[in-house]
């Protein structure tokens, strides 16, 4: 989803701002999640998903769209690798106003 489209969807409250990461990855994805749990990630003019090199970089992008709070999700496959019953997914709320 292009920046202008995401901004419009966030302003209409059709999407909730989200930043995604994967354990041991140095890339972050930013976008929105709809009521059905579908992710709509930011993409460039060519339709390629935008990646961010730091959590802060992703936060700044969403803040530039007027977002004040975003959900940060980090996923990990470590629990699966060691047959743990716990889920390898962590969610927290980030305040983007500083």
N, C-alpha and C. Protein backbone atom coordinates (compact mmCIF):
# COMPACT_ATOMS: atom_id res chain seq x y z
N UNK A 1 0.84 -1.16 0.00
CA UNK A 1 0.00 0.00 0.00
C UNK A 1 0.90 1.23 0.00
N UNK A 2 0.62 2.14 -0.89
CA UNK A 2 1.43 3.36 -0.98
C UNK A 2 1.17 4.26 0.22
N UNK A 3 2.12 5.17 0.47
CA UNK A 3 2.09 6.03 1.65
C UNK A 3 0.78 6.81 1.72
N UNK A 4 0.36 7.42 0.62
CA UNK A 4 -0.87 8.23 0.63
C UNK A 4 -2.10 7.38 0.93
N UNK A 5 -2.13 6.15 0.41
CA UNK A 5 -3.25 5.25 0.68
C UNK A 5 -3.30 4.84 2.15
N UNK A 6 -2.12 4.52 2.69
CA UNK A 6 -2.06 4.12 4.10
C UNK A 6 -2.50 5.27 4.99
N UNK A 7 -2.02 6.47 4.69
CA UNK A 7 -2.39 7.64 5.49
C UNK A 7 -3.91 7.81 5.49
N UNK A 8 -4.54 7.70 4.33
CA UNK A 8 -5.99 7.85 4.24
C UNK A 8 -6.71 6.77 5.05
N UNK A 9 -6.25 5.53 4.95
CA UNK A 9 -6.88 4.42 5.68
C UNK A 9 -6.72 4.58 7.19
N UNK A 10 -5.55 5.05 7.61
CA UNK A 10 -5.31 5.27 9.04
C UNK A 10 -6.19 6.41 9.55
N UNK A 11 -6.30 7.49 8.76
CA UNK A 11 -7.13 8.63 9.17
C UNK A 11 -8.60 8.25 9.27
N UNK A 12 -9.06 7.34 8.43
CA UNK A 12 -10.44 6.88 8.45
C UNK A 12 -10.64 5.78 9.50
N UNK A 13 -9.59 5.42 10.18
CA UNK A 13 -9.58 4.37 11.21
C UNK A 13 -10.00 3.02 10.65
N UNK A 14 -9.75 2.80 9.35
CA UNK A 14 -10.01 1.51 8.71
C UNK A 14 -8.88 0.53 9.02
N UNK A 15 -7.71 1.06 9.37
CA UNK A 15 -6.53 0.25 9.71
C UNK A 15 -5.94 0.73 11.02
N UNK A 16 -5.28 -0.19 11.72
CA UNK A 16 -4.51 0.14 12.93
C UNK A 16 -3.04 0.08 12.55
N UNK A 17 -2.28 1.10 12.92
CA UNK A 17 -0.85 1.15 12.58
C UNK A 17 -0.10 -0.01 13.22
N UNK A 18 0.84 -0.59 12.46
CA UNK A 18 1.60 -1.73 12.94
C UNK A 18 3.03 -1.68 12.40
N UNK A 19 3.97 -2.14 13.21
CA UNK A 19 5.36 -2.33 12.80
C UNK A 19 5.68 -3.79 13.07
N UNK A 20 6.22 -4.47 12.07
CA UNK A 20 6.53 -5.89 12.18
C UNK A 20 8.03 -6.12 12.16
N UNK A 21 8.46 -7.12 12.92
CA UNK A 21 9.87 -7.51 12.94
C UNK A 21 9.94 -9.02 13.16
N UNK A 22 11.08 -9.57 12.84
CA UNK A 22 11.34 -10.98 13.06
C UNK A 22 12.63 -11.08 13.86
N UNK A 23 12.65 -11.91 14.87
CA UNK A 23 13.83 -12.05 15.73
C UNK A 23 15.09 -12.25 14.89
N UNK A 24 16.15 -11.58 15.24
CA UNK A 24 17.45 -11.64 14.58
C UNK A 24 17.47 -10.99 13.21
N UNK A 25 16.43 -10.28 12.86
CA UNK A 25 16.41 -9.57 11.58
C UNK A 25 16.75 -8.11 11.83
N UNK A 26 17.38 -7.50 10.87
CA UNK A 26 17.69 -6.08 11.00
C UNK A 26 16.79 -5.25 10.09
N UNK A 27 15.65 -5.80 9.70
CA UNK A 27 14.69 -5.06 8.88
C UNK A 27 13.33 -5.03 9.58
N UNK A 28 12.65 -3.93 9.38
CA UNK A 28 11.32 -3.74 9.96
C UNK A 28 10.36 -3.39 8.83
N UNK A 29 9.10 -3.77 8.99
CA UNK A 29 8.06 -3.44 8.04
C UNK A 29 7.04 -2.58 8.76
N UNK A 30 6.43 -1.63 8.04
CA UNK A 30 5.43 -0.75 8.65
C UNK A 30 4.20 -0.72 7.75
N UNK A 31 3.06 -0.54 8.39
CA UNK A 31 1.82 -0.47 7.63
C UNK A 31 0.64 -0.47 8.56
N UNK A 32 -0.41 -1.18 8.15
CA UNK A 32 -1.63 -1.23 8.95
C UNK A 32 -2.20 -2.63 8.95
N UNK A 33 -3.07 -2.87 9.90
CA UNK A 33 -3.76 -4.16 10.00
C UNK A 33 -5.26 -3.86 10.06
N UNK A 34 -6.04 -4.60 9.29
CA UNK A 34 -7.49 -4.36 9.27
C UNK A 34 -8.20 -5.23 10.31
N UNK A 35 -9.51 -5.07 10.38
CA UNK A 35 -10.31 -5.76 11.39
C UNK A 35 -10.29 -7.28 11.22
N UNK A 36 -9.98 -7.75 10.02
CA UNK A 36 -9.91 -9.20 9.76
C UNK A 36 -8.52 -9.77 10.02
N UNK A 37 -7.57 -8.91 10.43
CA UNK A 37 -6.21 -9.37 10.71
C UNK A 37 -5.29 -9.39 9.50
N UNK A 38 -5.70 -8.76 8.40
CA UNK A 38 -4.87 -8.69 7.20
C UNK A 38 -3.91 -7.51 7.29
N UNK A 39 -2.66 -7.76 6.94
CA UNK A 39 -1.65 -6.71 6.96
C UNK A 39 -1.62 -5.99 5.61
N UNK A 40 -1.46 -4.67 5.69
CA UNK A 40 -1.33 -3.82 4.51
C UNK A 40 -0.03 -3.03 4.71
N UNK A 41 1.05 -3.50 4.09
CA UNK A 41 2.36 -2.93 4.33
C UNK A 41 2.68 -1.81 3.35
N UNK A 42 3.48 -0.86 3.82
CA UNK A 42 3.89 0.25 2.97
C UNK A 42 4.69 -0.27 1.78
N UNK A 43 4.44 0.32 0.62
CA UNK A 43 5.19 -0.05 -0.58
C UNK A 43 5.64 1.21 -1.29
N UNK A 44 6.70 1.07 -2.09
CA UNK A 44 7.21 2.21 -2.85
C UNK A 44 6.40 2.39 -4.14
N UNK A 45 6.82 3.33 -4.98
CA UNK A 45 6.11 3.65 -6.22
C UNK A 45 6.04 2.47 -7.18
N UNK A 46 6.98 1.53 -7.05
CA UNK A 46 7.00 0.35 -7.93
C UNK A 46 6.24 -0.83 -7.34
N UNK A 47 5.66 -0.63 -6.16
CA UNK A 47 4.89 -1.70 -5.52
C UNK A 47 5.71 -2.63 -4.65
N UNK A 48 7.00 -2.33 -4.47
CA UNK A 48 7.88 -3.15 -3.64
C UNK A 48 7.70 -2.76 -2.17
N UNK A 49 7.55 -3.77 -1.30
CA UNK A 49 7.39 -3.52 0.13
C UNK A 49 8.59 -2.75 0.66
N UNK A 50 8.31 -1.68 1.39
CA UNK A 50 9.37 -0.86 1.98
C UNK A 50 9.90 -1.54 3.24
N UNK A 51 11.20 -1.54 3.39
CA UNK A 51 11.82 -2.06 4.61
C UNK A 51 12.55 -0.92 5.30
N UNK A 52 12.63 -1.01 6.61
CA UNK A 52 13.28 0.01 7.43
C UNK A 52 14.41 -0.64 8.19
N UNK A 53 15.52 0.08 8.33
CA UNK A 53 16.72 -0.49 8.94
C UNK A 53 16.72 -0.45 10.46
N UNK A 54 15.75 0.25 11.04
CA UNK A 54 15.66 0.29 12.50
C UNK A 54 14.21 0.50 12.90
N UNK A 55 13.92 0.17 14.13
CA UNK A 55 12.59 0.40 14.66
C UNK A 55 12.29 1.89 14.63
N UNK A 56 13.26 2.69 14.98
CA UNK A 56 13.07 4.15 14.99
C UNK A 56 12.72 4.67 13.60
N UNK A 57 13.35 4.16 12.58
CA UNK A 57 13.07 4.59 11.21
C UNK A 57 11.61 4.29 10.84
N UNK A 58 11.13 3.13 11.23
CA UNK A 58 9.73 2.77 10.97
C UNK A 58 8.78 3.65 11.78
N UNK A 59 9.15 3.93 13.03
CA UNK A 59 8.34 4.82 13.87
C UNK A 59 8.23 6.21 13.25
N UNK A 60 9.34 6.74 12.78
CA UNK A 60 9.36 8.08 12.18
C UNK A 60 8.46 8.12 10.94
N UNK A 61 8.49 7.08 10.13
CA UNK A 61 7.64 7.03 8.94
C UNK A 61 6.17 7.08 9.34
N UNK A 62 5.77 6.24 10.29
CA UNK A 62 4.37 6.24 10.71
C UNK A 62 3.98 7.56 11.38
N UNK A 63 4.87 8.13 12.18
CA UNK A 63 4.59 9.41 12.83
C UNK A 63 4.40 10.51 11.78
N UNK A 64 5.14 10.43 10.68
CA UNK A 64 5.00 11.43 9.62
C UNK A 64 3.63 11.35 8.95
N UNK A 65 2.93 10.23 9.13
CA UNK A 65 1.58 10.06 8.59
C UNK A 65 0.51 10.46 9.60
N UNK A 66 0.95 10.96 10.76
CA UNK A 66 0.01 11.39 11.79
C UNK A 66 -0.32 10.32 12.82
N UNK A 67 0.35 9.19 12.76
CA UNK A 67 0.10 8.10 13.71
C UNK A 67 0.68 8.48 15.08
N UNK A 68 -0.10 8.27 16.12
CA UNK A 68 0.36 8.54 17.47
C UNK A 68 0.70 7.27 18.24
N UNK A 69 0.00 6.17 17.93
CA UNK A 69 0.23 4.89 18.60
C UNK A 69 0.26 3.79 17.54
N UNK A 70 1.22 2.88 17.66
CA UNK A 70 1.32 1.74 16.74
C UNK A 70 1.55 0.47 17.55
N UNK A 71 1.10 -0.63 17.00
CA UNK A 71 1.38 -1.93 17.60
C UNK A 71 2.67 -2.46 17.02
N UNK A 72 3.58 -2.90 17.88
CA UNK A 72 4.84 -3.50 17.45
C UNK A 72 4.73 -5.01 17.66
N UNK A 73 4.95 -5.77 16.59
CA UNK A 73 4.90 -7.23 16.66
C UNK A 73 6.25 -7.81 16.26
N UNK A 74 6.78 -8.68 17.11
CA UNK A 74 8.02 -9.38 16.80
C UNK A 74 7.73 -10.87 16.84
N UNK A 75 8.11 -11.54 15.78
CA UNK A 75 7.90 -12.99 15.69
C UNK A 75 9.23 -13.71 15.77
N UNK A 76 9.17 -14.93 16.30
CA UNK A 76 10.37 -15.74 16.45
C UNK A 76 10.03 -17.21 16.20
N UNK A 77 10.93 -17.91 15.58
CA UNK A 77 10.74 -19.35 15.35
C UNK A 77 11.48 -20.18 16.39
N UNK A 78 12.13 -19.54 17.36
CA UNK A 78 12.92 -20.29 18.33
C UNK A 78 12.08 -21.29 19.12
N UNK A 79 10.87 -20.89 19.51
CA UNK A 79 10.01 -21.81 20.27
C UNK A 79 9.69 -23.06 19.47
N UNK A 80 9.47 -22.89 18.17
CA UNK A 80 9.19 -24.04 17.31
C UNK A 80 10.40 -24.96 17.22
N UNK A 81 11.57 -24.36 17.18
CA UNK A 81 12.80 -25.14 17.03
C UNK A 81 13.07 -26.02 18.25
N UNK A 82 12.65 -25.57 19.42
CA UNK A 82 12.91 -26.34 20.64
C UNK A 82 11.64 -26.99 21.17
N UNK A 83 10.61 -27.03 20.34
CA UNK A 83 9.33 -27.68 20.66
C UNK A 83 8.69 -27.12 21.92
N UNK A 84 8.79 -25.81 22.09
CA UNK A 84 8.15 -25.15 23.22
C UNK A 84 6.67 -24.93 22.93
N UNK A 85 5.87 -24.96 23.97
CA UNK A 85 4.44 -24.75 23.81
C UNK A 85 4.09 -23.26 23.71
N UNK A 86 5.02 -22.38 24.09
CA UNK A 86 4.72 -20.95 24.05
C UNK A 86 4.75 -20.44 22.60
N UNK A 87 4.02 -19.39 22.39
CA UNK A 87 3.93 -18.80 21.06
C UNK A 87 5.09 -17.82 20.86
N UNK A 88 5.75 -17.89 19.72
CA UNK A 88 6.89 -17.03 19.43
C UNK A 88 6.50 -15.71 18.83
N UNK A 89 5.55 -15.02 19.45
CA UNK A 89 5.07 -13.75 18.93
C UNK A 89 4.86 -12.80 20.10
N UNK A 90 5.45 -11.62 20.03
CA UNK A 90 5.33 -10.63 21.09
C UNK A 90 4.69 -9.38 20.49
N UNK A 91 3.71 -8.83 21.19
CA UNK A 91 3.05 -7.60 20.76
C UNK A 91 3.12 -6.58 21.89
N UNK A 92 3.36 -5.32 21.50
CA UNK A 92 3.33 -4.23 22.48
C UNK A 92 2.90 -2.96 21.77
N UNK A 93 2.42 -2.03 22.53
CA UNK A 93 1.98 -0.76 21.98
C UNK A 93 3.12 0.26 22.09
N UNK A 94 3.33 1.02 21.01
CA UNK A 94 4.37 2.05 20.99
C UNK A 94 3.73 3.43 20.88
N UNK A 95 4.14 4.32 21.75
CA UNK A 95 3.70 5.71 21.67
C UNK A 95 4.67 6.44 20.75
N UNK A 96 4.18 6.98 19.65
CA UNK A 96 5.05 7.62 18.67
C UNK A 96 5.21 9.12 18.92
N UNK A 97 4.53 9.65 19.92
CA UNK A 97 4.69 11.05 20.28
C UNK A 97 5.80 11.17 21.30
N UNK A 98 6.82 11.93 20.96
CA UNK A 98 7.94 12.11 21.90
C UNK A 98 8.14 13.57 22.22
